[in-house]
Structures are given as C-alpha cells and as structure tokens.
Amino acid sequence: MAKLCNPGAHKNIVAVFRHGKLLPSYYFLDMEICDMNLDTFIERKWSPETAMELPQLTTKVSQRMRMAQIWDIMEDITSGLAFVHSKNGDLKPRNGMSRI
C-alpha cells in the first residue's frame, strides 16, 4: 500500500493517508475523498453540489462529448492500472484489496 497509495504517487490512484487494524478483526483505510466515482458518473446520480463543482462532467453534453469523456476516463483507469502493475501490484478481482 505504501508504494501505491501515497498522496501524490499517481494522479489516478486514491491516496491512503493511514491504515491499520481495529479490534477485534477489522481493517481501516483513511482515504482521500473523491467528488464522484465511476458508478455515479455512469448512472448520472451526482448530488447538486457535485454538479456545481464539476459542470464539465455533469451538464448535458452531446453524444460525441460524452464519448470523449468516457474515453478520457478509460485512459485514466488504464494509466492507474499500469502504475499498480509497475509497482508489482497484482490488481484483479479475485485479489480484492488483499495484495495492495
């Protein structure tokens, strides 16, 4: 986690400020807060506050512009994934968060 999630390590990786065990058998992550996640963007379920803060993503745009936004998001995801793999992180669904 230290290699991957330090603040400023990569623009497409959420920063983890602290992490550790809680009794009896829990684990905590103190992470940076993001304005929106991918599911919120896809489903267009953002709050009015987020809409005001991120008008470039939340206002009604042409189909072409929407596809450009989606392409940009996909590039961000692949860039973050490449960073994880460059640090020997093994990110895949069956690993969950256990190896990061």
PDB file of N, CA and C in Angstrom:
ATOM      1  N   MET A   1       0.823  -1.183   0.000  1.00  0.00           N
ATOM      2  CA  MET A   1       0.000   0.000   0.000  1.00  0.00           C
ATOM      3  C   MET A   1       0.872   1.253   0.000  1.00  0.00           C
ATOM      4  N   ALA A   2       1.977   1.231   0.721  1.00  0.00           N
ATOM      5  CA  ALA A   2       2.839   2.404   0.804  1.00  0.00           C
ATOM      6  C   ALA A   2       3.382   2.800  -0.573  1.00  0.00           C
ATOM      7  N   LYS A   3       3.690   1.822  -1.423  1.00  0.00           N
ATOM      8  CA  LYS A   3       4.214   2.122  -2.753  1.00  0.00           C
ATOM      9  C   LYS A   3       3.148   2.688  -3.675  1.00  0.00           C
ATOM     10  N   LEU A   4       1.919   2.295  -3.458  1.00  0.00           N
ATOM     11  CA  LEU A   4       0.871   2.615  -4.416  1.00  0.00           C
ATOM     12  C   LEU A   4       0.013   3.816  -4.044  1.00  0.00           C
ATOM     13  N   CYS A   5      -0.249   4.001  -2.771  1.00  0.00           N
ATOM     14  CA  CYS A   5      -1.305   4.931  -2.364  1.00  0.00           C
ATOM     15  C   CYS A   5      -0.824   6.132  -1.573  1.00  0.00           C
ATOM     16  N   ASN A   6       0.463   6.468  -1.659  1.00  0.00           N
ATOM     17  CA  ASN A   6       0.937   7.683  -1.012  1.00  0.00           C
ATOM     18  C   ASN A   6       0.325   8.890  -1.704  1.00  0.00           C
ATOM     19  N   PRO A   7      -0.006   9.934  -0.947  1.00  0.00           N
ATOM     20  CA  PRO A   7      -0.532  11.137  -1.601  1.00  0.00           C
ATOM     21  C   PRO A   7       0.439  11.623  -2.680  1.00  0.00           C
ATOM     22  N   GLY A   8      -0.077  11.824  -3.875  1.00  0.00           N
ATOM     23  CA  GLY A   8       0.730  12.300  -4.985  1.00  0.00           C
ATOM     24  C   GLY A   8       1.489  11.221  -5.737  1.00  0.00           C
ATOM     25  N   ALA A   9       1.340   9.951  -5.359  1.00  0.00           N
ATOM     26  CA  ALA A   9       2.065   8.873  -6.034  1.00  0.00           C
ATOM     27  C   ALA A   9       1.644   8.756  -7.498  1.00  0.00           C
ATOM     28  N   HIS A  10       0.358   8.888  -7.761  1.00  0.00           N
ATOM     29  CA  HIS A  10      -0.162   8.836  -9.133  1.00  0.00           C
ATOM     30  C   HIS A  10      -1.513   9.532  -9.150  1.00  0.00           C
ATOM     31  N   LYS A  11      -1.761  10.315 -10.180  1.00  0.00           N
ATOM     32  CA  LYS A  11      -2.989  11.105 -10.213  1.00  0.00           C
ATOM     33  C   LYS A  11      -4.265  10.262 -10.297  1.00  0.00           C
ATOM     34  N   ASN A  12      -4.140   9.002 -10.705  1.00  0.00           N
ATOM     35  CA  ASN A  12      -5.329   8.167 -10.847  1.00  0.00           C
ATOM     36  C   ASN A  12      -5.446   7.100  -9.772  1.00  0.00           C
ATOM     37  N   ILE A  13      -4.706   7.255  -8.697  1.00  0.00           N
ATOM     38  CA  ILE A  13      -4.775   6.345  -7.558  1.00  0.00           C
ATOM     39  C   ILE A  13      -5.218   7.152  -6.338  1.00  0.00           C
ATOM     40  N   VAL A  14      -6.262   6.691  -5.682  1.00  0.00           N
ATOM     41  CA  VAL A  14      -6.762   7.377  -4.487  1.00  0.00           C
ATOM     42  C   VAL A  14      -5.718   7.261  -3.380  1.00  0.00           C
ATOM     43  N   ALA A  15      -5.402   8.379  -2.749  1.00  0.00           N
ATOM     44  CA  ALA A  15      -4.403   8.388  -1.675  1.00  0.00           C
ATOM     45  C   ALA A  15      -4.969   7.764  -0.406  1.00  0.00           C
ATOM     46  N   VAL A  16      -4.144   6.966   0.243  1.00  0.00           N
ATOM     47  CA  VAL A  16      -4.465   6.403   1.556  1.00  0.00           C
ATOM     48  C   VAL A  16      -3.520   7.065   2.543  1.00  0.00           C
ATOM     49  N   PHE A  17      -4.082   7.774   3.503  1.00  0.00           N
ATOM     50  CA  PHE A  17      -3.279   8.511   4.469  1.00  0.00           C
ATOM     51  C   PHE A  17      -2.843   7.643   5.637  1.00  0.00           C
ATOM     52  N   ARG A  18      -3.738   6.798   6.101  1.00  0.00           N
ATOM     53  CA  ARG A  18      -3.437   5.888   7.212  1.00  0.00           C
ATOM     54  C   ARG A  18      -4.205   4.597   6.983  1.00  0.00           C
ATOM     55  N   HIS A  19      -3.688   3.524   7.561  1.00  0.00           N
ATOM     56  CA  HIS A  19      -4.389   2.248   7.516  1.00  0.00           C
ATOM     57  C   HIS A  19      -3.897   1.405   8.681  1.00  0.00           C
ATOM     58  N   GLY A  20      -4.712   0.458   9.084  1.00  0.00           N
ATOM     59  CA  GLY A  20      -4.297  -0.400  10.178  1.00  0.00           C
ATOM     60  C   GLY A  20      -5.424  -1.285  10.667  1.00  0.00           C
ATOM     61  N   LYS A  21      -5.105  -2.042  11.683  1.00  0.00           N
ATOM     62  CA  LYS A  21      -6.065  -2.986  12.252  1.00  0.00           C
ATOM     63  C   LYS A  21      -6.868  -2.327  13.359  1.00  0.00           C
ATOM     64  N   LEU A  22      -8.127  -2.724  13.444  1.00  0.00           N
ATOM     65  CA  LEU A  22      -9.006  -2.344  14.544  1.00  0.00           C
ATOM     66  C   LEU A  22      -9.475  -3.630  15.206  1.00  0.00           C
ATOM     67  N   LEU A  23      -9.613  -3.587  16.480  1.00  0.00           N
ATOM     68  CA  LEU A  23     -10.058  -4.780  17.202  1.00  0.00           C
ATOM     69  C   LEU A  23     -11.553  -4.971  17.014  1.00  0.00           C
ATOM     70  N   PRO A  24     -12.086  -6.141  16.918  1.00  0.00           N
ATOM     71  CA  PRO A  24     -11.403  -7.414  17.073  1.00  0.00           C
ATOM     72  C   PRO A  24     -10.766  -7.902  15.772  1.00  0.00           C
ATOM     73  N   SER A  25     -11.419  -7.701  14.613  1.00  0.00           N
ATOM     74  CA  SER A  25     -10.853  -8.252  13.376  1.00  0.00           C
ATOM     75  C   SER A  25     -11.199  -7.386  12.166  1.00  0.00           C
ATOM     76  N   TYR A  26     -11.077  -6.081  12.322  1.00  0.00           N
ATOM     77  CA  TYR A  26     -11.387  -5.165  11.233  1.00  0.00           C
ATOM     78  C   TYR A  26     -10.115  -4.485  10.756  1.00  0.00           C
ATOM     79  N   TYR A  27     -10.160  -3.949   9.567  1.00  0.00           N
ATOM     80  CA  TYR A  27      -9.045  -3.199   8.995  1.00  0.00           C
ATOM     81  C   TYR A  27      -9.609  -1.879   8.494  1.00  0.00           C
ATOM     82  N   PHE A  28      -8.881  -0.775   8.703  1.00  0.00           N
ATOM     83  CA  PHE A  28      -9.392   0.522   8.256  1.00  0.00           C
ATOM     84  C   PHE A  28      -8.454   1.143   7.233  1.00  0.00           C
ATOM     85  N   LEU A  29      -9.040   1.955   6.343  1.00  0.00           N
ATOM     86  CA  LEU A  29      -8.314   2.776   5.375  1.00  0.00           C
ATOM     87  C   LEU A  29      -8.812   4.200   5.513  1.00  0.00           C
ATOM     88  N   ASP A  30      -7.919   5.122   5.775  1.00  0.00           N
ATOM     89  CA  ASP A  30      -8.235   6.549   5.832  1.00  0.00           C
ATOM     90  C   ASP A  30      -7.829   7.116   4.474  1.00  0.00           C
ATOM     91  N   MET A  31      -8.826   7.279   3.581  1.00  0.00           N
ATOM     92  CA  MET A  31      -8.560   7.624   2.193  1.00  0.00           C
ATOM     93  C   MET A  31      -9.016   9.035   1.859  1.00  0.00           C
ATOM     94  N   GLU A  32      -8.444   9.551   0.766  1.00  0.00           N
ATOM     95  CA  GLU A  32      -8.890  10.857   0.286  1.00  0.00           C
ATOM     96  C   GLU A  32     -10.330  10.747  -0.199  1.00  0.00           C
ATOM     97  N   ILE A  33     -11.059  11.829  -0.082  1.00  0.00           N
ATOM     98  CA  ILE A  33     -12.457  11.869  -0.516  1.00  0.00           C
ATOM     99  C   ILE A  33     -12.487  12.321  -1.974  1.00  0.00           C
ATOM    100  N   CYS A  34     -13.253  11.609  -2.780  1.00  0.00           N
ATOM    101  CA  CYS A  34     -13.392  11.954  -4.194  1.00  0.00           C
ATOM    102  C   CYS A  34     -14.773  12.560  -4.425  1.00  0.00           C
ATOM    103  N   ASP A  35     -14.853  13.464  -5.374  1.00  0.00           N
ATOM    104  CA  ASP A  35     -16.122  14.124  -5.675  1.00  0.00           C
ATOM    105  C   ASP A  35     -17.128  13.184  -6.332  1.00  0.00           C
ATOM    106  N   MET A  36     -16.622  12.211  -7.089  1.00  0.00           N
ATOM    107  CA  MET A  36     -17.517  11.337  -7.834  1.00  0.00           C
ATOM    108  C   MET A  36     -16.787  10.024  -8.110  1.00  0.00           C
ATOM    109  N   ASN A  37     -17.540   8.932  -8.193  1.00  0.00           N
ATOM    110  CA  ASN A  37     -16.930   7.676  -8.614  1.00  0.00           C
ATOM    111  C   ASN A  37     -17.497   7.288  -9.979  1.00  0.00           C
ATOM    112  N   LEU A  38     -16.955   6.242 -10.568  1.00  0.00           N
ATOM    113  CA  LEU A  38     -17.350   5.855 -11.919  1.00  0.00           C
ATOM    114  C   LEU A  38     -18.817   5.453 -11.993  1.00  0.00           C
ATOM    115  N   ASP A  39     -19.304   4.736 -10.998  1.00  0.00           N
ATOM    116  CA  ASP A  39     -20.710   4.326 -10.995  1.00  0.00           C
ATOM    117  C   ASP A  39     -21.635   5.550 -10.975  1.00  0.00           C
ATOM    118  N   THR A  40     -21.300   6.536 -10.160  1.00  0.00           N
ATOM    119  CA  THR A  40     -22.091   7.766 -10.085  1.00  0.00           C
ATOM    120  C   THR A  40     -22.111   8.470 -11.439  1.00  0.00           C
ATOM    121  N   PHE A  41     -20.966   8.510 -12.108  1.00  0.00           N
ATOM    122  CA  PHE A  41     -20.885   9.159 -13.413  1.00  0.00           C
ATOM    123  C   PHE A  41     -21.730   8.415 -14.446  1.00  0.00           C
ATOM    124  N   ILE A  42     -21.582   7.090 -14.490  1.00  0.00           N
ATOM    125  CA  ILE A  42     -22.315   6.292 -15.474  1.00  0.00           C
ATOM    126  C   ILE A  42     -23.824   6.414 -15.264  1.00  0.00           C
ATOM    127  N   GLU A  43     -24.247   6.314 -14.010  1.00  0.00           N
ATOM    128  CA  GLU A  43     -25.676   6.366 -13.684  1.00  0.00           C
ATOM    129  C   GLU A  43     -26.224   7.794 -13.608  1.00  0.00           C
ATOM    130  N   ARG A  44     -25.339   8.788 -13.688  1.00  0.00           N
ATOM    131  CA  ARG A  44     -25.719  10.201 -13.609  1.00  0.00           C
ATOM    132  C   ARG A  44     -26.491  10.502 -12.320  1.00  0.00           C
ATOM    133  N   LYS A  45     -25.954  10.027 -11.211  1.00  0.00           N
ATOM    134  CA  LYS A  45     -26.608  10.193  -9.913  1.00  0.00           C
ATOM    135  C   LYS A  45     -25.781  11.068  -8.979  1.00  0.00           C
ATOM    136  N   TRP A  46     -25.295  12.178  -9.470  1.00  0.00           N
ATOM    137  CA  TRP A  46     -24.490  13.059  -8.649  1.00  0.00           C
ATOM    138  C   TRP A  46     -25.364  14.025  -7.867  1.00  0.00           C
ATOM    139  N   SER A  47     -24.790  14.539  -6.804  1.00  0.00           N
ATOM    140  CA  SER A  47     -25.514  15.496  -5.965  1.00  0.00           C
ATOM    141  C   SER A  47     -25.516  16.865  -6.636  1.00  0.00           C
ATOM    142  N   PRO A  48     -26.430  17.756  -6.223  1.00  0.00           N
ATOM    143  CA  PRO A  48     -26.418  19.116  -6.768  1.00  0.00           C
ATOM    144  C   PRO A  48     -25.088  19.824  -6.496  1.00  0.00           C
ATOM    145  N   GLU A  49     -24.477  19.536  -5.357  1.00  0.00           N
ATOM    146  CA  GLU A  49     -23.184  20.152  -5.026  1.00  0.00           C
ATOM    147  C   GLU A  49     -22.106  19.700  -6.006  1.00  0.00           C
ATOM    148  N   THR A  50     -22.090  18.411  -6.304  1.00  0.00           N
ATOM    149  CA  THR A  50     -21.107  17.890  -7.259  1.00  0.00           C
ATOM    150  C   THR A  50     -21.356  18.469  -8.642  1.00  0.00           C
ATOM    151  N   ALA A  51     -22.611  18.593  -9.033  1.00  0.00           N
ATOM    152  CA  ALA A  51     -22.943  19.180 -10.334  1.00  0.00           C
ATOM    153  C   ALA A  51     -22.402  20.599 -10.442  1.00  0.00           C
ATOM    154  N   MET A  52     -22.482  21.356  -9.363  1.00  0.00           N
ATOM    155  CA  MET A  52     -21.965  22.731  -9.384  1.00  0.00           C
ATOM    156  C   MET A  52     -20.437  22.749  -9.411  1.00  0.00           C
ATOM    157  N   GLU A  53     -19.801  21.801  -8.714  1.00  0.00           N
ATOM    158  CA  GLU A  53     -18.340  21.755  -8.654  1.00  0.00           C
ATOM    159  C   GLU A  53     -17.717  21.185  -9.924  1.00  0.00           C
ATOM    160  N   LEU A  54     -18.422  20.299 -10.620  1.00  0.00           N
ATOM    161  CA  LEU A  54     -17.884  19.622 -11.803  1.00  0.00           C
ATOM    162  C   LEU A  54     -18.801  19.767 -13.017  1.00  0.00           C
ATOM    163  N   PRO A  55     -19.097  21.007 -13.421  1.00  0.00           N
ATOM    164  CA  PRO A  55     -20.035  21.180 -14.532  1.00  0.00           C
ATOM    165  C   PRO A  55     -19.547  20.546 -15.833  1.00  0.00           C
ATOM    166  N   GLN A  56     -18.229  20.440 -16.006  1.00  0.00           N
ATOM    167  CA  GLN A  56     -17.701  19.835 -17.229  1.00  0.00           C
ATOM    168  C   GLN A  56     -18.068  18.355 -17.346  1.00  0.00           C
ATOM    169  N   LEU A  57     -18.412  17.721 -16.231  1.00  0.00           N
ATOM    170  CA  LEU A  57     -18.790  16.314 -16.245  1.00  0.00           C
ATOM    171  C   LEU A  57     -20.285  16.080 -16.063  1.00  0.00           C
ATOM    172  N   THR A  58     -20.987  17.061 -15.519  1.00  0.00           N
ATOM    173  CA  THR A  58     -22.373  16.813 -15.122  1.00  0.00           C
ATOM    174  C   THR A  58     -23.425  17.505 -15.980  1.00  0.00           C
ATOM    175  N   THR A  59     -23.029  18.475 -16.779  1.00  0.00           N
ATOM    176  CA  THR A  59     -24.020  19.146 -17.614  1.00  0.00           C
ATOM    177  C   THR A  59     -24.345  18.276 -18.825  1.00  0.00           C
ATOM    178  N   LYS A  60     -25.495  18.516 -19.391  1.00  0.00           N
ATOM    179  CA  LYS A  60     -25.903  17.743 -20.571  1.00  0.00           C
ATOM    180  C   LYS A  60     -24.992  18.137 -21.732  1.00  0.00           C
ATOM    181  N   VAL A  61     -24.370  17.124 -22.321  1.00  0.00           N
ATOM    182  CA  VAL A  61     -23.454  17.355 -23.435  1.00  0.00           C
ATOM    183  C   VAL A  61     -23.870  16.472 -24.604  1.00  0.00           C
ATOM    184  N   SER A  62     -23.299  16.767 -25.759  1.00  0.00           N
ATOM    185  CA  SER A  62     -23.604  15.974 -26.951  1.00  0.00           C
ATOM    186  C   SER A  62     -23.087  14.543 -26.776  1.00  0.00           C
ATOM    187  N   GLN A  63     -23.625  13.648 -27.573  1.00  0.00           N
ATOM    188  CA  GLN A  63     -23.189  12.248 -27.533  1.00  0.00           C
ATOM    189  C   GLN A  63     -21.695  12.142 -27.815  1.00  0.00           C
ATOM    190  N   ARG A  64     -21.196  12.927 -28.744  1.00  0.00           N
ATOM    191  CA  ARG A  64     -19.764  12.912 -29.077  1.00  0.00           C
ATOM    192  C   ARG A  64     -18.928  13.334 -27.868  1.00  0.00           C
ATOM    193  N   MET A  65     -19.354  14.382 -27.172  1.00  0.00           N
ATOM    194  CA  MET A  65     -18.619  14.851 -25.993  1.00  0.00           C
ATOM    195  C   MET A  65     -18.682  13.808 -24.879  1.00  0.00           C
ATOM    196  N   ARG A  66     -19.825  13.182 -24.706  1.00  0.00           N
ATOM    197  CA  ARG A  66     -19.979  12.137 -23.688  1.00  0.00           C
ATOM    198  C   ARG A  66     -19.016  10.980 -23.971  1.00  0.00           C
ATOM    199  N   MET A  67     -18.903  10.584 -25.234  1.00  0.00           N
ATOM    200  CA  MET A  67     -17.972   9.516 -25.594  1.00  0.00           C
ATOM    201  C   MET A  67     -16.531   9.952 -25.339  1.00  0.00           C
ATOM    202  N   ALA A  68     -16.209  11.211 -25.582  1.00  0.00           N
ATOM    203  CA  ALA A  68     -14.859  11.719 -25.295  1.00  0.00           C
ATOM    204  C   ALA A  68     -14.581  11.668 -23.794  1.00  0.00           C
ATOM    205  N   GLN A  69     -15.587  12.015 -22.975  1.00  0.00           N
ATOM    206  CA  GLN A  69     -15.426  11.927 -21.527  1.00  0.00           C
ATOM    207  C   GLN A  69     -15.176  10.485 -21.098  1.00  0.00           C
ATOM    208  N   ILE A  70     -15.938   9.560 -21.648  1.00  0.00           N
ATOM    209  CA  ILE A  70     -15.780   8.148 -21.302  1.00  0.00           C
ATOM    210  C   ILE A  70     -14.398   7.661 -21.737  1.00  0.00           C
ATOM    211  N   TRP A  71     -13.942   8.063 -22.895  1.00  0.00           N
ATOM    212  CA  TRP A  71     -12.612   7.676 -23.363  1.00  0.00           C
ATOM    213  C   TRP A  71     -11.536   8.205 -22.403  1.00  0.00           C
ATOM    214  N   ASP A  72     -11.677   9.457 -21.968  1.00  0.00           N
ATOM    215  CA  ASP A  72     -10.727  10.030 -21.012  1.00  0.00           C
ATOM    216  C   ASP A  72     -10.703   9.235 -19.710  1.00  0.00           C
ATOM    217  N   ILE A  73     -11.881   8.830 -19.235  1.00  0.00           N
ATOM    218  CA  ILE A  73     -11.969   8.036 -18.008  1.00  0.00           C
ATOM    219  C   ILE A  73     -11.281   6.691 -18.199  1.00  0.00           C
ATOM    220  N   MET A  74     -11.505   6.058 -19.338  1.00  0.00           N
ATOM    221  CA  MET A  74     -10.866   4.767 -19.606  1.00  0.00           C
ATOM    222  C   MET A  74      -9.345   4.915 -19.657  1.00  0.00           C
ATOM    223  N   GLU A  75      -8.852   6.001 -20.223  1.00  0.00           N
ATOM    224  CA  GLU A  75      -7.403   6.247 -20.226  1.00  0.00           C
ATOM    225  C   GLU A  75      -6.883   6.433 -18.803  1.00  0.00           C
ATOM    226  N   ASP A  76      -7.645   7.131 -17.957  1.00  0.00           N
ATOM    227  CA  ASP A  76      -7.243   7.307 -16.563  1.00  0.00           C
ATOM    228  C   ASP A  76      -7.184   5.970 -15.831  1.00  0.00           C
ATOM    229  N   ILE A  77      -8.180   5.126 -16.067  1.00  0.00           N
ATOM    230  CA  ILE A  77      -8.213   3.812 -15.415  1.00  0.00           C
ATOM    231  C   ILE A  77      -7.013   2.975 -15.854  1.00  0.00           C
ATOM    232  N   THR A  78      -6.733   2.937 -17.151  1.00  0.00           N
ATOM    233  CA  THR A  78      -5.609   2.128 -17.620  1.00  0.00           C
ATOM    234  C   THR A  78      -4.279   2.699 -17.164  1.00  0.00           C
ATOM    235  N   SER A  79      -4.173   4.008 -17.046  1.00  0.00           N
ATOM    236  CA  SER A  79      -2.955   4.621 -16.529  1.00  0.00           C
ATOM    237  C   SER A  79      -2.727   4.228 -15.073  1.00  0.00           C
ATOM    238  N   GLY A  80      -3.784   4.282 -14.265  1.00  0.00           N
ATOM    239  CA  GLY A  80      -3.686   3.857 -12.872  1.00  0.00           C
ATOM    240  C   GLY A  80      -3.348   2.381 -12.752  1.00  0.00           C
ATOM    241  N   LEU A  81      -3.953   1.556 -13.587  1.00  0.00           N
ATOM    242  CA  LEU A  81      -3.684   0.122 -13.573  1.00  0.00           C
ATOM    243  C   LEU A  81      -2.235  -0.164 -13.970  1.00  0.00           C
ATOM    244  N   ALA A  82      -1.729   0.541 -14.970  1.00  0.00           N
ATOM    245  CA  ALA A  82      -0.329   0.366 -15.382  1.00  0.00           C
ATOM    246  C   ALA A  82       0.608   0.746 -14.235  1.00  0.00           C
ATOM    247  N   PHE A  83       0.272   1.808 -13.502  1.00  0.00           N
ATOM    248  CA  PHE A  83       1.079   2.212 -12.349  1.00  0.00           C
ATOM    249  C   PHE A  83       1.103   1.112 -11.292  1.00  0.00           C
ATOM    250  N   VAL A  84      -0.067   0.559 -10.987  1.00  0.00           N
ATOM    251  CA  VAL A  84      -0.138  -0.524  -9.994  1.00  0.00           C
ATOM    252  C   VAL A  84       0.747  -1.681 -10.428  1.00  0.00           C
ATOM    253  N   HIS A  85       0.650  -2.075 -11.677  1.00  0.00           N
ATOM    254  CA  HIS A  85       1.449  -3.199 -12.165  1.00  0.00           C
ATOM    255  C   HIS A  85       2.940  -2.864 -12.194  1.00  0.00           C
ATOM    256  N   SER A  86       3.289  -1.601 -12.449  1.00  0.00           N
ATOM    257  CA  SER A  86       4.706  -1.218 -12.455  1.00  0.00           C
ATOM    258  C   SER A  86       5.336  -1.318 -11.067  1.00  0.00           C
ATOM    259  N   LYS A  87       4.513  -1.279 -10.044  1.00  0.00           N
ATOM    260  CA  LYS A  87       4.988  -1.412  -8.656  1.00  0.00           C
ATOM    261  C   LYS A  87       4.798  -2.835  -8.147  1.00  0.00           C
ATOM    262  N   ASN A  88       4.609  -3.773  -9.077  1.00  0.00           N
ATOM    263  CA  ASN A  88       4.417  -5.185  -8.750  1.00  0.00           C
ATOM    264  C   ASN A  88       3.122  -5.451  -7.984  1.00  0.00           C
ATOM    265  N   GLY A  89       2.158  -4.552  -8.120  1.00  0.00           N
ATOM    266  CA  GLY A  89       0.843  -4.791  -7.539  1.00  0.00           C
ATOM    267  C   GLY A  89       0.070  -5.726  -8.450  1.00  0.00           C
ATOM    268  N   ASP A  90      -0.634  -6.634  -7.881  1.00  0.00           N
ATOM    269  CA  ASP A  90      -1.391  -7.613  -8.656  1.00  0.00           C
ATOM    270  C   ASP A  90      -2.869  -7.320  -8.469  1.00  0.00           C
ATOM    271  N   LEU A  91      -3.388  -6.420  -9.277  1.00  0.00           N
ATOM    272  CA  LEU A  91      -4.760  -5.963  -9.137  1.00  0.00           C
ATOM    273  C   LEU A  91      -5.660  -6.746 -10.074  1.00  0.00           C
ATOM    274  N   LYS A  92      -6.496  -7.580  -9.494  1.00  0.00           N
ATOM    275  CA  LYS A  92      -7.521  -8.303 -10.245  1.00  0.00           C
ATOM    276  C   LYS A  92      -8.637  -8.635  -9.280  1.00  0.00           C
ATOM    277  N   PRO A  93      -9.836  -8.862  -9.784  1.00  0.00           N
ATOM    278  CA  PRO A  93     -10.985  -9.028  -8.904  1.00  0.00           C
ATOM    279  C   PRO A  93     -10.810 -10.061  -7.800  1.00  0.00           C
ATOM    280  N   ARG A  94     -10.230 -11.210  -8.097  1.00  0.00           N
ATOM    281  CA  ARG A  94     -10.140 -12.234  -7.062  1.00  0.00           C
ATOM    282  C   ARG A  94      -9.168 -11.874  -5.941  1.00  0.00           C
ATOM    283  N   ASN A  95      -8.280 -10.907  -6.180  1.00  0.00           N
ATOM    284  CA  ASN A  95      -7.360 -10.486  -5.130  1.00  0.00           C
ATOM    285  C   ASN A  95      -7.971  -9.439  -4.210  1.00  0.00           C
ATOM    286  N   GLY A  96      -9.050  -8.825  -4.632  1.00  0.00           N
ATOM    287  CA  GLY A  96      -9.671  -7.788  -3.812  1.00  0.00           C
ATOM    288  C   GLY A  96      -8.639  -6.761  -3.390  1.00  0.00           C
ATOM    289  N   MET A  97      -8.654  -6.382  -2.127  1.00  0.00           N
ATOM    290  CA  MET A  97      -7.679  -5.418  -1.613  1.00  0.00           C
ATOM    291  C   MET A  97      -6.557  -6.111  -0.838  1.00  0.00           C
ATOM    292  N   SER A  98      -6.492  -7.412  -0.878  1.00  0.00           N
ATOM    293  CA  SER A  98      -5.557  -8.122  -0.028  1.00  0.00           C
ATOM    294  C   SER A  98      -4.093  -7.929  -0.398  1.00  0.00           C
ATOM    295  N   ARG A  99      -3.788  -7.621  -1.647  1.00  0.00           N
ATOM    296  CA  ARG A  99      -2.388  -7.527  -2.042  1.00  0.00           C
ATOM    297  C   ARG A  99      -1.930  -6.093  -2.196  1.00  0.00           C
ATOM    298  N   ILE A 100      -2.815  -5.135  -2.129  1.00  0.00           N
ATOM    299  CA  ILE A 100      -2.431  -3.741  -2.350  1.00  0.00           C
ATOM    300  C   ILE A 100      -2.142  -3.076  -1.035  1.00  0.00           C
TER     301      ILE A 100
END
